[in-house]
PDB file of N, CA and C in Angstrom:
ATOM      1  N   MET A   1      51.963 195.685  92.040  1.00  0.00           N
ATOM      2  CA  MET A   1      53.408 195.464  92.141  1.00  0.00           C
ATOM      3  C   MET A   1      54.113 196.764  92.504  1.00  0.00           C
ATOM      4  N   TYR A   2      55.199 196.625  93.244  1.00  0.00           N
ATOM      5  CA  TYR A   2      55.945 197.812  93.678  1.00  0.00           C
ATOM      6  C   TYR A   2      57.230 197.939  92.869  1.00  0.00           C
ATOM      7  N   PHE A   3      57.424 199.128  92.295  1.00  0.00           N
ATOM      8  CA  PHE A   3      58.645 199.388  91.537  1.00  0.00           C
ATOM      9  C   PHE A   3      59.420 200.507  92.212  1.00  0.00           C
ATOM     10  N   ALA A   4      60.644 200.216  92.588  1.00  0.00           N
ATOM     11  CA  ALA A   4      61.473 201.231  93.237  1.00  0.00           C
ATOM     12  C   ALA A   4      61.924 202.263  92.206  1.00  0.00           C
ATOM     13  N   PRO A   5      62.176 203.499  92.640  1.00  0.00           N
ATOM     14  CA  PRO A   5      62.660 204.546  91.726  1.00  0.00           C
ATOM     15  C   PRO A   5      63.913 204.103  90.982  1.00  0.00           C
ATOM     16  N   GLU A   6      64.774 203.359  91.665  1.00  0.00           N
ATOM     17  CA  GLU A   6      65.997 202.894  91.019  1.00  0.00           C
ATOM     18  C   GLU A   6      65.659 201.967  89.850  1.00  0.00           C
ATOM     19  N   HIS A   7      64.604 201.170  90.023  1.00  0.00           N
ATOM     20  CA  HIS A   7      64.214 200.248  88.958  1.00  0.00           C
ATOM     21  C   HIS A   7      63.749 201.035  87.731  1.00  0.00           C
ATOM     22  N   SER A   8      62.993 202.101  87.953  1.00  0.00           N
ATOM     23  CA  SER A   8      62.516 202.926  86.843  1.00  0.00           C
ATOM     24  C   SER A   8      63.691 203.565  86.122  1.00  0.00           C
ATOM     25  N   TYR A   9      64.672 204.016  86.901  1.00  0.00           N
ATOM     26  CA  TYR A   9      65.850 204.667  86.327  1.00  0.00           C
ATOM     27  C   TYR A   9      66.638 203.678  85.474  1.00  0.00           C
ATOM     28  N   VAL A  10      66.827 202.472  85.995  1.00  0.00           N
ATOM     29  CA  VAL A  10      67.561 201.442  85.254  1.00  0.00           C
ATOM     30  C   VAL A  10      66.795 201.047  83.997  1.00  0.00           C
ATOM     31  N   SER A  11      65.483 200.925  84.102  1.00  0.00           N
ATOM     32  CA  SER A  11      64.668 200.557  82.945  1.00  0.00           C
ATOM     33  C   SER A  11      64.782 201.614  81.854  1.00  0.00           C
ATOM     34  N   ALA A  12      64.784 202.881  82.249  1.00  0.00           N
ATOM     35  CA  ALA A  12      64.917 203.968  81.274  1.00  0.00           C
ATOM     36  C   ALA A  12      66.267 203.884  80.568  1.00  0.00           C
ATOM     37  N   LEU A  13      67.314 203.601  81.335  1.00  0.00           N
ATOM     38  CA  LEU A  13      68.656 203.481  80.741  1.00  0.00           C
ATOM     39  C   LEU A  13      68.708 202.299  79.775  1.00  0.00           C
ATOM     40  N   LEU A  14      68.104 201.175  80.162  1.00  0.00           N
ATOM     41  CA  LEU A  14      68.109 199.996  79.295  1.00  0.00           C
ATOM     42  C   LEU A  14      67.346 200.272  78.007  1.00  0.00           C
ATOM     43  N   CYS A  15      66.210 200.939  78.105  1.00  0.00           N
ATOM     44  CA  CYS A  15      65.422 201.256  76.908  1.00  0.00           C
ATOM     45  C   CYS A  15      66.209 202.173  75.979  1.00  0.00           C
ATOM     46  N   ALA A  16      66.859 203.187  76.560  1.00  0.00           N
ATOM     47  CA  ALA A  16      67.631 204.138  75.754  1.00  0.00           C
ATOM     48  C   ALA A  16      68.792 203.433  75.061  1.00  0.00           C
ATOM     49  N   SER A  17      69.501 202.595  75.804  1.00  0.00           N
ATOM     50  CA  SER A  17      70.646 201.894  75.215  1.00  0.00           C
ATOM     51  C   SER A  17      70.175 200.904  74.152  1.00  0.00           C
ATOM     52  N   LEU A  18      69.010 200.298  74.354  1.00  0.00           N
ATOM     53  CA  LEU A  18      68.477 199.356  73.377  1.00  0.00           C
ATOM     54  C   LEU A  18      68.137 200.068  72.074  1.00  0.00           C
ATOM     55  N   VAL A  19      67.534 201.255  72.178  1.00  0.00           N
ATOM     56  CA  VAL A  19      67.193 202.042  70.990  1.00  0.00           C
ATOM     57  C   VAL A  19      68.454 202.394  70.210  1.00  0.00           C
ATOM     58  N   VAL A  20      69.489 202.829  70.935  1.00  0.00           N
ATOM     59  CA  VAL A  20      70.753 203.188  70.276  1.00  0.00           C
ATOM     60  C   VAL A  20      71.369 201.963  69.614  1.00  0.00           C
ATOM     61  N   TYR A  21      71.296 200.828  70.298  1.00  0.00           N
ATOM     62  CA  TYR A  21      71.865 199.587  69.767  1.00  0.00           C
ATOM     63  C   TYR A  21      71.140 199.148  68.494  1.00  0.00           C
ATOM     64  N   LEU A  22      69.807 199.181  68.525  1.00  0.00           N
ATOM     65  CA  LEU A  22      69.030 198.790  67.346  1.00  0.00           C
ATOM     66  C   LEU A  22      69.281 199.755  66.198  1.00  0.00           C
ATOM     67  N   ARG A  23      69.409 201.042  66.504  1.00  0.00           N
ATOM     68  CA  ARG A  23      69.680 202.040  65.468  1.00  0.00           C
ATOM     69  C   ARG A  23      71.042 201.757  64.837  1.00  0.00           C
ATOM     70  N   HIS A  24      72.021 201.387  65.668  1.00  0.00           N
ATOM     71  CA  HIS A  24      73.359 201.066  65.167  1.00  0.00           C
ATOM     72  C   HIS A  24      73.296 199.855  64.234  1.00  0.00           C
ATOM     73  N   LEU A  25      72.510 198.857  64.607  1.00  0.00           N
ATOM     74  CA  LEU A  25      72.375 197.664  63.771  1.00  0.00           C
ATOM     75  C   LEU A  25      71.732 198.008  62.435  1.00  0.00           C
ATOM     76  N   SER A  26      70.696 198.832  62.455  1.00  0.00           N
ATOM     77  CA  SER A  26      69.996 199.180  61.220  1.00  0.00           C
ATOM     78  C   SER A  26      70.896 199.990  60.298  1.00  0.00           C
ATOM     79  N   ILE A  27      71.793 200.793  60.878  1.00  0.00           N
ATOM     80  CA  ILE A  27      72.715 201.602  60.073  1.00  0.00           C
ATOM     81  C   ILE A  27      73.715 200.697  59.349  1.00  0.00           C
ATOM     82  N   GLN A  28      74.051 199.572  59.955  1.00  0.00           N
ATOM     83  CA  GLN A  28      75.028 198.669  59.349  1.00  0.00           C
ATOM     84  C   GLN A  28      74.525 198.060  58.038  1.00  0.00           C
ATOM     85  N   LYS A  29      73.198 198.066  57.820  1.00  0.00           N
ATOM     86  CA  LYS A  29      72.594 197.571  56.572  1.00  0.00           C
ATOM     87  C   LYS A  29      72.785 196.073  56.359  1.00  0.00           C
ATOM     88  N   ASN A  30      73.255 195.356  57.357  1.00  0.00           N
ATOM     89  CA  ASN A  30      73.463 193.914  57.176  1.00  0.00           C
ATOM     90  C   ASN A  30      72.647 193.114  58.184  1.00  0.00           C
ATOM     91  N   VAL A  31      71.572 193.727  58.680  1.00  0.00           N
ATOM     92  CA  VAL A  31      70.724 193.036  59.651  1.00  0.00           C
ATOM     93  C   VAL A  31      69.686 192.204  58.899  1.00  0.00           C
ATOM     94  N   THR A  32      69.696 190.909  59.120  1.00  0.00           N
ATOM     95  CA  THR A  32      68.767 190.030  58.423  1.00  0.00           C
ATOM     96  C   THR A  32      67.517 189.801  59.264  1.00  0.00           C
ATOM     97  N   VAL A  33      66.498 189.215  58.646  1.00  0.00           N
ATOM     98  CA  VAL A  33      65.244 188.959  59.351  1.00  0.00           C
ATOM     99  C   VAL A  33      65.441 188.022  60.544  1.00  0.00           C
ATOM    100  N   PRO A  34      66.197 186.919  60.397  1.00  0.00           N
ATOM    101  CA  PRO A  34      66.408 186.032  61.554  1.00  0.00           C
ATOM    102  C   PRO A  34      67.050 186.758  62.731  1.00  0.00           C
ATOM    103  N   GLN A  35      67.980 187.679  62.447  1.00  0.00           N
ATOM    104  CA  GLN A  35      68.619 188.424  63.533  1.00  0.00           C
ATOM    105  C   GLN A  35      67.590 189.289  64.249  1.00  0.00           C
ATOM    106  N   TRP A  36      66.721 189.940  63.483  1.00  0.00           N
ATOM    107  CA  TRP A  36      65.684 190.770  64.102  1.00  0.00           C
ATOM    108  C   TRP A  36      64.739 189.905  64.933  1.00  0.00           C
ATOM    109  N   ALA A  37      64.422 188.714  64.416  1.00  0.00           N
ATOM    110  CA  ALA A  37      63.515 187.815  65.131  1.00  0.00           C
ATOM    111  C   ALA A  37      64.137 187.387  66.463  1.00  0.00           C
ATOM    112  N   MET A  38      65.433 187.091  66.444  1.00  0.00           N
ATOM    113  CA  MET A  38      66.101 186.686  67.676  1.00  0.00           C
ATOM    114  C   MET A  38      66.147 187.841  68.665  1.00  0.00           C
ATOM    115  N   LEU A  39      66.354 189.063  68.158  1.00  0.00           N
ATOM    116  CA  LEU A  39      66.388 190.229  69.046  1.00  0.00           C
ATOM    117  C   LEU A  39      65.017 190.434  69.680  1.00  0.00           C
ATOM    118  N   ASN A  40      63.960 190.298  68.881  1.00  0.00           N
ATOM    119  CA  ASN A  40      62.605 190.502  69.391  1.00  0.00           C
ATOM    120  C   ASN A  40      62.261 189.450  70.444  1.00  0.00           C
ATOM    121  N   ARG A  41      62.705 188.223  70.230  1.00  0.00           N
ATOM    122  CA  ARG A  41      62.442 187.188  71.225  1.00  0.00           C
ATOM    123  C   ARG A  41      63.235 187.444  72.495  1.00  0.00           C
ATOM    124  N   GLY A  42      64.465 187.963  72.336  1.00  0.00           N
ATOM    125  CA  GLY A  42      65.297 188.232  73.508  1.00  0.00           C
ATOM    126  C   GLY A  42      64.683 189.311  74.376  1.00  0.00           C
ATOM    127  N   VAL A  43      64.033 190.289  73.730  1.00  0.00           N
ATOM    128  CA  VAL A  43      63.416 191.372  74.497  1.00  0.00           C
ATOM    129  C   VAL A  43      62.054 190.897  74.959  1.00  0.00           C
TER     130      VAL A  43
END
């Protein structure tokens, strides 16, 4: 499969933003197991 440099750049940005988003959720202390399960399925 061929991946353009732009695709790699976008993927890196998405991964970074996802990490920040998950960290923000964990800091809120109100993340339940079903929410985590839905997030894992979405990814």
